[in-house]
Amino acid sequence: MRLNVKNRFVKIILFVVLAAVLAVPSAVNSQDVATGSATATVLTALAVSSSANLVFGNVYQGVATTIATVNAAAGIYAITGQASAGIAIYMALPDYVALADGSDRMTIAFSSTDASVDSLGGADPTGMVAGAGWQNTNPHSFPSATVIGSGGTTNIYLGGKVIPTVDQTAGAYTGDIVLTVAYNGN
């Protein structure tokens, strides 16, 4: 009888081992692996240029002179980059223009309507089409929805006003206007 119990015990152990071995491949078969990928597209680099200076021309002592954004003498800044991409625009505007030797300054002012943004990228501020961007906007705070035009270019037209004193020194006055543009992710 001992032998019979021993044979049964051996058979039970063999059965358990065989069941365990058969169960392992089914556990491995219940797993799966997937492979994905990461992608990114780098946008066209932004480029900014000043294609025309804001030109007040000849001014008289004590007589303020204003240039509108639709005037041929308006400043023109061209922005090129990825078509339809959102951009943030910051313009550093001077408070005055000065003689080259620094001996005299003349006040320059920019109102809340002294800039226009042309998303069609026209080269002439006098021909800006209504609905082509933002007309008469604030050069101190450009619209957050500004985009590069569908042709890859957007132009900014800048007007302003110089205010000479009654005893303003005669000469050529200049001042720097700095335009900074960056993609904003919109």
Protein backbone atom coordinates (compact mmCIF):
# COMPACT_ATOMS: atom_id res chain seq x y z
CA MET A 1 0.00 0.00 0.00
CA ARG A 2 2.88 2.28 0.68
CA LEU A 3 4.00 1.91 -2.85
CA ASN A 4 0.56 2.74 -4.12
CA VAL A 5 0.41 5.93 -2.01
CA LYS A 6 3.88 6.82 -3.18
CA ASN A 7 2.90 6.33 -6.85
CA ARG A 8 -0.18 8.48 -6.33
CA PHE A 9 1.88 11.19 -4.65
CA VAL A 10 4.38 11.15 -7.55
CA LYS A 11 1.51 11.35 -10.07
CA ILE A 12 -0.03 14.30 -8.23
CA ILE A 13 3.29 16.14 -8.16
CA LEU A 14 3.84 15.44 -11.87
CA PHE A 15 0.32 16.70 -12.61
CA VAL A 16 0.90 19.93 -10.65
CA VAL A 17 4.26 20.53 -12.35
CA LEU A 18 2.80 19.81 -15.79
CA ALA A 19 -0.14 22.18 -15.11
CA ALA A 20 2.28 24.91 -14.01
CA VAL A 21 4.43 24.47 -17.12
CA LEU A 22 1.40 24.62 -19.38
CA ALA A 23 0.08 27.72 -17.59
CA VAL A 24 3.29 29.75 -18.16
CA PRO A 25 2.99 30.11 -21.97
CA SER A 26 -0.61 31.28 -21.67
CA ALA A 27 0.46 34.04 -19.25
CA VAL A 28 3.12 35.20 -21.70
CA ASN A 29 0.63 35.17 -24.56
CA SER A 30 -1.68 37.52 -22.65
CA GLN A 31 0.85 40.39 -22.90
CA ASP A 32 1.37 42.68 -25.90
CA VAL A 33 3.63 45.58 -26.84
CA ALA A 34 2.88 48.62 -29.01
CA THR A 35 5.34 51.08 -30.50
CA GLY A 36 4.43 54.71 -31.20
CA SER A 37 6.51 57.68 -32.18
CA ALA A 38 7.02 61.30 -31.22
CA THR A 39 6.79 63.93 -33.94
CA ALA A 40 7.45 67.65 -34.16
CA THR A 41 7.62 70.18 -36.97
CA VAL A 42 9.92 73.17 -36.60
CA LEU A 43 8.34 76.28 -38.10
CA THR A 44 10.07 78.55 -40.58
CA ALA A 45 12.31 81.03 -38.79
CA LEU A 46 10.88 84.49 -38.29
CA ALA A 47 12.59 87.38 -40.03
CA VAL A 48 11.89 91.06 -39.39
CA SER A 49 13.07 93.99 -41.44
CA SER A 50 12.47 97.71 -41.63
CA SER A 51 11.65 98.35 -45.27
CA ALA A 52 10.80 102.06 -44.85
CA ASN A 53 11.53 104.56 -42.10
CA LEU A 54 8.86 106.73 -40.51
CA VAL A 55 9.64 110.02 -42.29
CA PHE A 56 8.25 113.33 -41.01
CA GLY A 57 10.14 115.34 -43.61
CA ASN A 58 10.64 119.05 -43.04
CA VAL A 59 9.01 120.33 -39.86
CA TYR A 60 8.70 123.86 -38.54
CA GLN A 61 9.59 125.12 -35.09
CA GLY A 62 6.52 125.02 -32.84
CA VAL A 63 4.37 123.14 -35.40
CA ALA A 64 3.54 119.49 -34.67
CA THR A 65 3.60 117.15 -37.66
CA THR A 66 1.58 113.93 -37.83
CA ILE A 67 1.99 110.98 -40.19
CA ALA A 68 -0.94 108.52 -40.43
CA THR A 69 -0.50 104.77 -40.93
CA VAL A 70 -1.99 105.04 -44.44
CA ASN A 71 0.48 107.75 -45.47
CA ALA A 72 3.29 106.92 -47.91
CA ALA A 73 5.72 108.34 -45.30
CA ALA A 74 4.64 105.78 -42.66
CA GLY A 75 7.23 103.35 -41.35
CA ILE A 76 6.98 99.84 -42.81
CA TYR A 77 8.18 96.72 -41.00
CA ALA A 78 8.02 93.37 -42.79
CA ILE A 79 7.61 90.12 -40.84
CA THR A 80 8.11 86.81 -42.66
CA GLY A 81 7.62 83.34 -41.27
CA GLN A 82 5.30 80.33 -41.21
CA ALA A 83 2.01 81.20 -42.91
CA SER A 84 -0.99 81.46 -40.55
CA ALA A 85 1.15 81.02 -37.40
CA GLY A 86 0.32 83.21 -34.39
CA ILE A 87 2.86 85.84 -33.42
CA ALA A 88 3.45 88.21 -30.53
CA ILE A 89 4.62 91.69 -31.49
CA TYR A 90 6.43 94.18 -29.27
CA MET A 91 7.54 97.58 -30.49
CA ALA A 92 9.93 99.72 -28.44
CA LEU A 93 9.14 103.30 -29.34
CA PRO A 94 11.28 106.33 -28.51
CA ASP A 95 10.02 109.27 -26.48
CA TYR A 96 12.11 111.67 -28.52
CA VAL A 97 14.30 111.96 -31.59
CA ALA A 98 17.69 113.66 -31.28
CA LEU A 99 20.36 115.40 -33.28
CA ALA A 100 23.30 113.17 -34.17
CA ASP A 101 25.60 115.01 -31.74
CA GLY A 102 22.99 114.71 -28.94
CA SER A 103 22.82 118.47 -28.41
CA ASP A 104 19.01 118.70 -28.78
CA ARG A 105 15.96 116.45 -28.64
CA MET A 106 12.46 116.69 -30.08
CA THR A 107 9.41 114.91 -28.63
CA ILE A 108 7.89 112.10 -30.69
CA ALA A 109 4.54 110.62 -29.69
CA PHE A 110 2.57 107.55 -30.72
CA SER A 111 -1.18 107.41 -30.13
CA SER A 112 -3.32 104.32 -29.60
CA THR A 113 -4.19 104.35 -33.33
CA ASP A 114 -0.73 104.86 -34.86
CA ALA A 115 -0.15 101.32 -36.16
CA SER A 116 -1.79 99.01 -38.67
CA VAL A 117 -1.11 95.31 -39.20
CA ASP A 118 -1.50 94.11 -42.80
CA SER A 119 -1.69 90.31 -42.92
CA LEU A 120 -1.74 90.40 -46.73
CA GLY A 121 1.82 91.75 -46.59
CA GLY A 122 1.23 94.66 -48.94
CA ALA A 123 4.30 96.83 -49.49
CA ASP A 124 2.38 100.12 -49.55
CA PRO A 125 0.50 101.46 -46.52
CA THR A 126 -1.72 103.61 -48.76
CA GLY A 127 -3.20 100.47 -50.33
CA MET A 128 -4.08 98.50 -47.20
CA VAL A 129 -7.32 96.63 -47.81
CA ALA A 130 -10.02 96.78 -45.13
CA GLY A 131 -10.26 93.41 -43.38
CA ALA A 132 -6.65 92.51 -44.22
CA GLY A 133 -5.58 92.79 -40.59
CA TRP A 134 -5.94 95.49 -37.98
CA GLN A 135 -6.13 99.15 -38.92
CA ASN A 136 -5.54 101.99 -36.46
CA THR A 137 -4.28 99.79 -33.65
CA ASN A 138 -2.11 100.60 -30.65
CA PRO A 139 1.65 100.30 -31.36
CA HIS A 140 2.19 99.87 -27.60
CA SER A 141 -0.09 96.80 -27.49
CA PHE A 142 -0.61 94.79 -30.66
CA PRO A 143 -3.58 92.38 -30.97
CA SER A 144 -2.88 88.96 -29.43
CA ALA A 145 -4.58 87.27 -32.41
CA THR A 146 -2.00 88.58 -34.91
CA VAL A 147 -0.83 85.96 -37.41
CA ILE A 148 1.62 85.71 -40.25
CA GLY A 149 -0.38 86.13 -43.45
CA SER A 150 -1.27 83.16 -45.65
CA GLY A 151 1.50 84.25 -48.05
CA GLY A 152 4.10 84.07 -45.26
CA THR A 153 4.34 87.85 -44.76
CA THR A 154 2.73 90.43 -42.49
CA ASN A 155 3.55 94.14 -42.57
CA ILE A 156 3.23 96.74 -39.85
CA TYR A 157 2.67 100.35 -40.84
CA LEU A 158 3.62 102.93 -38.22
CA GLY A 159 2.57 106.56 -37.99
CA GLY A 160 3.26 109.09 -35.25
CA LYS A 161 3.71 112.73 -34.38
CA VAL A 162 6.76 114.93 -33.78
CA ILE A 163 6.34 117.99 -31.58
CA PRO A 164 9.10 120.57 -32.08
CA THR A 165 9.44 123.40 -29.60
CA VAL A 166 9.24 127.02 -30.74
CA ASP A 167 13.02 127.27 -30.45
CA GLN A 168 13.90 123.78 -31.74
CA THR A 169 17.47 123.61 -33.06
CA ALA A 170 17.62 123.19 -36.83
CA GLY A 171 19.00 119.85 -38.05
CA ALA A 172 18.24 116.20 -38.78
CA TYR A 173 16.72 114.30 -35.86
CA THR A 174 16.60 110.52 -35.55
CA GLY A 175 15.46 107.91 -33.06
CA ASP A 176 15.44 104.12 -32.98
CA ILE A 177 12.25 102.08 -33.27
CA VAL A 178 12.81 98.44 -32.36
CA LEU A 179 10.39 95.71 -33.42
CA THR A 180 10.52 92.29 -31.75
CA VAL A 181 8.42 89.38 -32.99
CA ALA A 182 8.10 85.82 -31.67
CA TYR A 183 5.85 82.85 -32.35
CA ASN A 184 3.26 82.56 -29.59
CA GLY A 185 1.96 79.06 -30.23
CA ASN A 186 -1.48 80.15 -31.51
